[in-house]
Amino acid sequence: MEELPQEIRDFFAVLGFEEIPIEDGLTALSFEESPEGEYVLVTDEDGVLPQSLDNPLLLACYSAEGAFQWSTGFKNADQFRDIWAPGQTYAKKMQAAAHHREELTSSSPSKK
């Protein structure tokens, strides 16, 4: 298991994420602020901790019970930060992420 670089830890800490243990000795970047108990994880495209701010990222939303709900991708951490704006409420962040997901879906070649 790779250690999370400090640059990445600091970047996501500003956005409200923290590194938490998950299953099988792995860790993930998690954000939990939902009154309903849902949470989101940020990973790279392989589902592990990101090792670069320049590589694509995935945001995955889970229910309070841990059931996967939906996910969306970002070309890099800067694009993610634009969507997951500091200072916004959890609801606004989730709304922005869902809107981003809809834009990606509507612009995909399979939808044209």
N, C-alpha and C. Protein backbone atom coordinates (compact mmCIF):
# COMPACT_ATOMS: atom_id res chain seq x y z
N MET A 1 0.84 -1.18 0.00
CA MET A 1 0.00 0.00 0.00
C MET A 1 0.88 1.24 0.00
N GLU A 2 0.58 2.16 -0.91
CA GLU A 2 1.36 3.38 -0.99
C GLU A 2 0.88 4.40 0.04
N GLU A 3 1.83 5.16 0.54
CA GLU A 3 1.50 6.21 1.50
C GLU A 3 1.00 7.43 0.73
N LEU A 4 0.07 8.13 1.31
CA LEU A 4 -0.48 9.33 0.69
C LEU A 4 0.54 10.46 0.79
N PRO A 5 0.97 11.01 -0.35
CA PRO A 5 1.92 12.12 -0.30
C PRO A 5 1.35 13.32 0.47
N GLN A 6 2.21 14.01 1.19
CA GLN A 6 1.78 15.14 2.01
C GLN A 6 1.08 16.21 1.18
N GLU A 7 1.56 16.45 -0.02
CA GLU A 7 0.94 17.45 -0.91
C GLU A 7 -0.53 17.11 -1.17
N ILE A 8 -0.81 15.85 -1.36
CA ILE A 8 -2.18 15.42 -1.63
C ILE A 8 -3.01 15.47 -0.35
N ARG A 9 -2.43 15.03 0.74
CA ARG A 9 -3.12 15.10 2.04
C ARG A 9 -3.52 16.54 2.35
N ASP A 10 -2.59 17.47 2.15
CA ASP A 10 -2.86 18.89 2.43
C ASP A 10 -3.92 19.46 1.49
N PHE A 11 -3.83 19.11 0.21
CA PHE A 11 -4.79 19.60 -0.78
C PHE A 11 -6.21 19.21 -0.39
N PHE A 12 -6.40 17.94 -0.07
CA PHE A 12 -7.74 17.46 0.25
C PHE A 12 -8.20 17.85 1.65
N ALA A 13 -7.27 18.09 2.56
CA ALA A 13 -7.64 18.55 3.90
C ALA A 13 -8.33 19.91 3.82
N VAL A 14 -7.85 20.77 2.94
CA VAL A 14 -8.47 22.09 2.75
C VAL A 14 -9.91 21.94 2.26
N LEU A 15 -10.18 20.86 1.54
CA LEU A 15 -11.52 20.61 1.01
C LEU A 15 -12.39 19.81 1.98
N GLY A 16 -11.86 19.51 3.16
CA GLY A 16 -12.63 18.82 4.18
C GLY A 16 -12.49 17.31 4.19
N PHE A 17 -11.55 16.78 3.43
CA PHE A 17 -11.35 15.33 3.38
C PHE A 17 -10.28 14.91 4.38
N GLU A 18 -10.42 13.69 4.87
CA GLU A 18 -9.40 13.13 5.73
C GLU A 18 -9.14 11.70 5.31
N GLU A 19 -7.93 11.26 5.57
CA GLU A 19 -7.56 9.88 5.26
C GLU A 19 -8.09 8.99 6.38
N ILE A 20 -8.88 7.99 5.99
CA ILE A 20 -9.46 7.08 6.98
C ILE A 20 -9.16 5.63 6.59
N PRO A 21 -9.11 4.75 7.58
CA PRO A 21 -8.95 3.33 7.25
C PRO A 21 -10.25 2.77 6.69
N ILE A 22 -10.13 1.92 5.68
CA ILE A 22 -11.32 1.25 5.15
C ILE A 22 -11.10 -0.25 5.32
N GLU A 23 -11.23 -1.02 4.30
CA GLU A 23 -11.11 -2.47 4.43
C GLU A 23 -9.73 -2.97 4.03
N ASP A 24 -9.40 -4.14 4.49
CA ASP A 24 -8.17 -4.84 4.11
C ASP A 24 -6.90 -4.01 4.31
N GLY A 25 -6.87 -3.19 5.35
CA GLY A 25 -5.69 -2.39 5.64
C GLY A 25 -5.49 -1.21 4.71
N LEU A 26 -6.46 -0.92 3.88
CA LEU A 26 -6.37 0.22 2.96
C LEU A 26 -6.92 1.48 3.61
N THR A 27 -6.55 2.61 3.04
CA THR A 27 -7.10 3.88 3.49
C THR A 27 -7.73 4.60 2.30
N ALA A 28 -8.56 5.58 2.60
CA ALA A 28 -9.22 6.36 1.56
C ALA A 28 -9.37 7.79 2.03
N LEU A 29 -9.57 8.68 1.08
CA LEU A 29 -9.88 10.07 1.39
C LEU A 29 -11.40 10.18 1.51
N SER A 30 -11.87 10.57 2.68
CA SER A 30 -13.30 10.56 2.96
C SER A 30 -13.78 11.93 3.40
N PHE A 31 -15.02 12.22 3.03
CA PHE A 31 -15.71 13.44 3.46
C PHE A 31 -17.06 13.00 4.00
N GLU A 32 -17.31 13.28 5.27
CA GLU A 32 -18.57 12.90 5.90
C GLU A 32 -19.17 14.12 6.58
N GLU A 33 -20.17 14.69 5.96
CA GLU A 33 -20.81 15.86 6.56
C GLU A 33 -22.32 15.82 6.35
N SER A 34 -22.80 14.74 5.81
CA SER A 34 -24.22 14.62 5.51
C SER A 34 -25.02 14.34 6.78
N PRO A 35 -26.12 15.05 6.97
CA PRO A 35 -26.98 14.76 8.13
C PRO A 35 -27.56 13.34 8.06
N GLU A 36 -27.68 12.80 6.86
CA GLU A 36 -28.21 11.45 6.68
C GLU A 36 -27.15 10.38 6.87
N GLY A 37 -25.90 10.79 7.00
CA GLY A 37 -24.82 9.83 7.22
C GLY A 37 -24.15 9.34 5.96
N GLU A 38 -24.59 9.83 4.79
CA GLU A 38 -23.89 9.40 3.58
C GLU A 38 -22.50 10.03 3.57
N TYR A 39 -21.64 9.47 2.76
CA TYR A 39 -20.27 9.96 2.70
C TYR A 39 -19.73 9.79 1.28
N VAL A 40 -18.64 10.47 1.00
CA VAL A 40 -18.00 10.36 -0.30
C VAL A 40 -16.53 9.99 -0.11
N LEU A 41 -16.01 9.29 -1.09
CA LEU A 41 -14.59 8.93 -1.13
C LEU A 41 -13.99 9.46 -2.42
N VAL A 42 -12.74 9.88 -2.35
CA VAL A 42 -11.99 10.29 -3.54
C VAL A 42 -10.87 9.28 -3.74
N THR A 43 -10.78 8.78 -4.97
CA THR A 43 -9.73 7.83 -5.33
C THR A 43 -9.18 8.20 -6.70
N ASP A 44 -8.16 7.47 -7.11
CA ASP A 44 -7.72 7.60 -8.49
C ASP A 44 -8.59 6.65 -9.33
N GLU A 45 -8.28 6.51 -10.60
CA GLU A 45 -9.09 5.67 -11.48
C GLU A 45 -9.03 4.18 -11.13
N ASP A 46 -8.02 3.80 -10.36
CA ASP A 46 -7.89 2.40 -9.95
C ASP A 46 -8.55 2.12 -8.60
N GLY A 47 -9.16 3.14 -8.01
CA GLY A 47 -9.85 2.95 -6.74
C GLY A 47 -8.95 3.00 -5.52
N VAL A 48 -7.76 3.54 -5.68
CA VAL A 48 -6.84 3.67 -4.55
C VAL A 48 -6.51 5.14 -4.32
N LEU A 49 -5.76 5.41 -3.27
CA LEU A 49 -5.39 6.79 -2.96
C LEU A 49 -4.67 7.44 -4.13
N PRO A 50 -5.06 8.67 -4.45
CA PRO A 50 -4.36 9.37 -5.52
C PRO A 50 -2.90 9.63 -5.15
N GLN A 51 -2.03 9.52 -6.13
CA GLN A 51 -0.61 9.77 -5.90
C GLN A 51 -0.14 11.03 -6.62
N SER A 52 -1.05 11.66 -7.37
CA SER A 52 -0.71 12.88 -8.10
C SER A 52 -1.96 13.75 -8.19
N LEU A 53 -1.76 15.05 -8.11
CA LEU A 53 -2.87 15.99 -8.28
C LEU A 53 -3.19 16.22 -9.75
N ASP A 54 -2.33 15.74 -10.63
CA ASP A 54 -2.51 15.94 -12.07
C ASP A 54 -3.29 14.82 -12.75
N ASN A 55 -3.44 13.70 -12.08
CA ASN A 55 -4.11 12.55 -12.68
C ASN A 55 -5.62 12.58 -12.44
N PRO A 56 -6.37 11.83 -13.24
CA PRO A 56 -7.83 11.77 -13.04
C PRO A 56 -8.21 11.25 -11.66
N LEU A 57 -9.33 11.75 -11.17
CA LEU A 57 -9.87 11.36 -9.87
C LEU A 57 -11.30 10.88 -10.01
N LEU A 58 -11.73 10.07 -9.07
CA LEU A 58 -13.12 9.65 -8.98
C LEU A 58 -13.68 10.07 -7.63
N LEU A 59 -14.91 10.55 -7.64
CA LEU A 59 -15.66 10.84 -6.43
C LEU A 59 -16.79 9.84 -6.38
N ALA A 60 -16.86 9.07 -5.32
CA ALA A 60 -17.92 8.06 -5.18
C ALA A 60 -18.74 8.37 -3.94
N CYS A 61 -20.05 8.33 -4.09
CA CYS A 61 -20.98 8.61 -3.00
C CYS A 61 -21.57 7.31 -2.48
N TYR A 62 -21.62 7.19 -1.15
CA TYR A 62 -22.13 5.99 -0.49
C TYR A 62 -23.21 6.36 0.52
N SER A 63 -24.14 5.45 0.73
CA SER A 63 -25.17 5.65 1.75
C SER A 63 -24.54 5.49 3.13
N ALA A 64 -25.30 5.84 4.15
CA ALA A 64 -24.82 5.67 5.53
C ALA A 64 -24.51 4.21 5.83
N GLU A 65 -25.18 3.31 5.13
CA GLU A 65 -24.96 1.87 5.33
C GLU A 65 -23.79 1.34 4.52
N GLY A 66 -23.18 2.20 3.71
CA GLY A 66 -22.02 1.79 2.93
C GLY A 66 -22.34 1.30 1.53
N ALA A 67 -23.58 1.47 1.09
CA ALA A 67 -23.96 1.04 -0.26
C ALA A 67 -23.57 2.11 -1.28
N PHE A 68 -22.91 1.68 -2.34
CA PHE A 68 -22.53 2.60 -3.40
C PHE A 68 -23.79 3.21 -4.01
N GLN A 69 -23.76 4.55 -4.25
CA GLN A 69 -24.89 5.23 -4.87
C GLN A 69 -24.56 5.72 -6.28
N TRP A 70 -23.49 6.47 -6.43
CA TRP A 70 -23.08 6.98 -7.73
C TRP A 70 -21.65 7.49 -7.67
N SER A 71 -21.08 7.73 -8.84
CA SER A 71 -19.73 8.28 -8.90
C SER A 71 -19.61 9.19 -10.11
N THR A 72 -18.56 9.98 -10.10
CA THR A 72 -18.25 10.84 -11.24
C THR A 72 -16.74 11.04 -11.29
N GLY A 73 -16.25 11.35 -12.46
CA GLY A 73 -14.82 11.52 -12.65
C GLY A 73 -14.43 12.97 -12.88
N PHE A 74 -13.17 13.24 -12.62
CA PHE A 74 -12.59 14.57 -12.81
C PHE A 74 -11.25 14.41 -13.49
N LYS A 75 -10.90 15.34 -14.38
CA LYS A 75 -9.65 15.20 -15.11
C LYS A 75 -8.42 15.37 -14.21
N ASN A 76 -8.58 16.11 -13.11
CA ASN A 76 -7.48 16.29 -12.16
C ASN A 76 -8.02 16.94 -10.89
N ALA A 77 -7.14 17.17 -9.94
CA ALA A 77 -7.55 17.72 -8.65
C ALA A 77 -8.04 19.17 -8.77
N ASP A 78 -7.48 19.93 -9.69
CA ASP A 78 -7.94 21.31 -9.85
C ASP A 78 -9.40 21.35 -10.31
N GLN A 79 -9.76 20.49 -11.24
CA GLN A 79 -11.15 20.44 -11.68
C GLN A 79 -12.05 20.01 -10.52
N PHE A 80 -11.59 19.06 -9.74
CA PHE A 80 -12.37 18.62 -8.58
C PHE A 80 -12.57 19.78 -7.60
N ARG A 81 -11.52 20.52 -7.32
CA ARG A 81 -11.61 21.64 -6.38
C ARG A 81 -12.60 22.69 -6.88
N ASP A 82 -12.66 22.90 -8.19
CA ASP A 82 -13.62 23.85 -8.75
C ASP A 82 -15.06 23.42 -8.47
N ILE A 83 -15.30 22.13 -8.46
CA ILE A 83 -16.64 21.59 -8.20
C ILE A 83 -16.91 21.53 -6.70
N TRP A 84 -15.94 21.07 -5.93
CA TRP A 84 -16.09 20.84 -4.49
C TRP A 84 -15.56 22.08 -3.76
N ALA A 85 -16.21 23.20 -3.99
CA ALA A 85 -15.70 24.49 -3.53
C ALA A 85 -15.70 24.62 -2.00
N PRO A 86 -14.56 25.01 -1.44
CA PRO A 86 -14.53 25.28 0.00
C PRO A 86 -15.53 26.37 0.36
N GLY A 87 -16.14 26.24 1.50
CA GLY A 87 -17.10 27.25 1.95
C GLY A 87 -18.53 26.95 1.55
N GLN A 88 -18.73 26.02 0.63
CA GLN A 88 -20.09 25.64 0.24
C GLN A 88 -20.64 24.61 1.22
N THR A 89 -21.94 24.54 1.33
CA THR A 89 -22.56 23.52 2.16
C THR A 89 -22.38 22.15 1.51
N TYR A 90 -22.56 21.12 2.31
CA TYR A 90 -22.49 19.76 1.77
C TYR A 90 -23.50 19.59 0.64
N ALA A 91 -24.70 20.09 0.83
CA ALA A 91 -25.74 19.95 -0.19
C ALA A 91 -25.32 20.62 -1.50
N LYS A 92 -24.73 21.80 -1.42
CA LYS A 92 -24.27 22.50 -2.62
C LYS A 92 -23.13 21.75 -3.30
N LYS A 93 -22.23 21.19 -2.50
CA LYS A 93 -21.12 20.41 -3.07
C LYS A 93 -21.66 19.19 -3.81
N MET A 94 -22.59 18.50 -3.18
CA MET A 94 -23.16 17.32 -3.81
C MET A 94 -23.95 17.69 -5.06
N GLN A 95 -24.64 18.80 -5.00
CA GLN A 95 -25.40 19.27 -6.17
C GLN A 95 -24.44 19.60 -7.32
N ALA A 96 -23.34 20.25 -7.01
CA ALA A 96 -22.35 20.59 -8.05
C ALA A 96 -21.72 19.32 -8.63
N ALA A 97 -21.42 18.35 -7.78
CA ALA A 97 -20.84 17.09 -8.26
C ALA A 97 -21.84 16.33 -9.13
N ALA A 98 -23.10 16.31 -8.72
CA ALA A 98 -24.13 15.63 -9.51
C ALA A 98 -24.33 16.33 -10.85
N HIS A 99 -24.28 17.65 -10.85
CA HIS A 99 -24.41 18.41 -12.10
C HIS A 99 -23.23 18.10 -13.02
N HIS A 100 -22.04 18.04 -12.45
CA HIS A 100 -20.84 17.69 -13.22
C HIS A 100 -21.02 16.30 -13.85
N ARG A 101 -21.54 15.38 -13.07
CA ARG A 101 -21.78 14.02 -13.56
C ARG A 101 -22.77 14.03 -14.73
N GLU A 102 -23.83 14.80 -14.59
CA GLU A 102 -24.82 14.90 -15.66
C GLU A 102 -24.20 15.49 -16.93
N GLU A 103 -23.36 16.50 -16.77
CA GLU A 103 -22.69 17.09 -17.93
C GLU A 103 -21.79 16.07 -18.63
N LEU A 104 -21.07 15.28 -17.84
CA LEU A 104 -20.22 14.25 -18.44
C LEU A 104 -21.05 13.22 -19.18
N THR A 105 -22.14 12.82 -18.58
CA THR A 105 -23.01 11.81 -19.19
C THR A 105 -23.63 12.32 -20.48
N SER A 106 -24.10 13.56 -20.46
CA SER A 106 -24.76 14.10 -21.64
C SER A 106 -23.79 14.40 -22.78
N SER A 107 -22.51 14.56 -22.45
CA SER A 107 -21.54 14.86 -23.51
C SER A 107 -20.77 13.62 -23.96
N SER A 108 -21.07 12.46 -23.37
CA SER A 108 -20.35 11.25 -23.77
C SER A 108 -20.80 10.81 -25.16
N PRO A 109 -19.90 10.22 -25.94
CA PRO A 109 -20.24 9.81 -27.31
C PRO A 109 -21.41 8.84 -27.39
N SER A 110 -21.61 8.03 -26.36
CA SER A 110 -22.70 7.05 -26.40
C SER A 110 -24.06 7.72 -26.30
N LYS A 111 -24.11 8.97 -25.85
CA LYS A 111 -25.38 9.67 -25.71
C LYS A 111 -25.71 10.53 -26.93
N LYS A 112 -24.80 10.60 -27.88
CA LYS A 112 -25.02 11.45 -29.06
C LYS A 112 -25.62 10.68 -30.19
